[in-house]
Amino acid sequence: MALKTFNLDDAVYKEFSEHCKKNGISMSKKVENFIREEVEGIKSGARVTRTRIVKEMKDFDGLEKEHSFKKYC
């Protein structure tokens, strides 16, 4: 394990933190799994689709949210 520091939008962090607490989700594991999928996609040459990103970025009311990595997708 390695301890890393990330800069996150405070409102997004708080909302996701609350969601994780309510649902017994490990935020660290979610981030790790996201990065793992990205690395596997990079290695295999697969491109992450906007559809998957939009699906993952929907808020808990089903509304699409902007994300800080949009310009890279």
Protein backbone atom coordinates (compact mmCIF):
# COMPACT_ATOMS: atom_id res chain seq x y z
CA MET A 1 0.00 0.00 0.00
CA ALA A 2 1.05 3.55 -0.66
CA LEU A 3 -0.43 6.71 0.80
CA LYS A 4 -1.08 9.28 -1.95
CA THR A 5 -2.46 12.80 -1.85
CA PHE A 6 -4.95 14.11 -4.41
CA ASN A 7 -6.58 17.49 -4.81
CA LEU A 8 -10.34 17.11 -5.15
CA ASP A 9 -13.24 19.51 -5.39
CA ASP A 10 -14.52 19.77 -1.83
CA ALA A 11 -18.21 19.52 -2.71
CA VAL A 12 -17.67 16.44 -4.88
CA TYR A 13 -15.56 14.81 -2.20
CA LYS A 14 -18.14 15.45 0.52
CA GLU A 15 -21.02 14.14 -1.60
CA PHE A 16 -19.16 10.99 -2.58
CA SER A 17 -17.89 10.49 0.97
CA GLU A 18 -21.47 10.60 2.29
CA HIS A 19 -22.57 8.13 -0.39
CA CYS A 20 -19.73 5.76 0.53
CA LYS A 21 -20.52 5.95 4.24
CA LYS A 22 -24.25 5.30 3.68
CA ASN A 23 -23.54 2.31 1.45
CA GLY A 24 -20.50 0.84 3.20
CA ILE A 25 -18.23 1.53 0.23
CA SER A 26 -14.47 1.96 0.53
CA MET A 27 -13.60 5.20 -1.25
CA SER A 28 -9.96 4.13 -1.52
CA LYS A 29 -10.94 0.86 -3.19
CA LYS A 30 -13.22 2.70 -5.66
CA VAL A 31 -10.34 4.99 -6.67
CA GLU A 32 -7.93 2.04 -6.89
CA ASN A 33 -10.35 0.08 -9.09
CA PHE A 34 -10.89 3.10 -11.35
CA ILE A 35 -7.15 3.56 -11.81
CA ARG A 36 -6.68 -0.20 -12.38
CA GLU A 37 -9.31 -0.16 -15.15
CA GLU A 38 -7.68 2.88 -16.76
CA VAL A 39 -4.24 1.22 -16.71
CA GLU A 40 -5.65 -2.00 -18.19
CA GLY A 41 -7.33 0.06 -20.92
CA ILE A 42 -4.09 1.87 -21.67
CA LYS A 43 -2.15 -1.40 -21.88
CA SER A 44 -4.72 -3.06 -24.12
CA GLY A 45 -5.16 0.01 -26.31
CA ALA A 46 -8.85 0.17 -25.42
CA ARG A 47 -10.33 3.63 -25.33
CA VAL A 48 -12.64 4.59 -22.49
CA THR A 49 -16.00 5.53 -23.96
CA ARG A 50 -17.88 8.69 -23.10
CA THR A 51 -20.95 6.53 -22.42
CA ARG A 52 -19.16 4.66 -19.65
CA ILE A 53 -17.82 7.87 -18.16
CA VAL A 54 -21.24 9.53 -18.21
CA LYS A 55 -22.78 6.44 -16.62
CA GLU A 56 -20.19 6.47 -13.85
CA MET A 57 -20.44 10.24 -13.32
CA LYS A 58 -24.22 10.41 -12.85
CA ASP A 59 -25.13 11.73 -9.47
CA PHE A 60 -27.43 9.83 -7.17
CA ASP A 61 -30.53 11.50 -8.62
CA GLY A 62 -29.60 10.33 -12.12
CA LEU A 63 -28.41 13.74 -13.35
CA GLU A 64 -25.20 13.99 -15.32
CA LYS A 65 -22.39 15.88 -13.61
CA GLU A 66 -19.36 17.51 -15.13
CA HIS A 67 -16.05 16.01 -14.13
CA SER A 68 -12.58 17.48 -14.02
CA PHE A 69 -11.14 14.94 -16.49
CA LYS A 70 -13.64 15.77 -19.26
CA LYS A 71 -10.97 17.42 -21.41
CA TYR A 72 -8.97 14.16 -21.36
CA CYS A 73 -11.84 11.89 -22.38
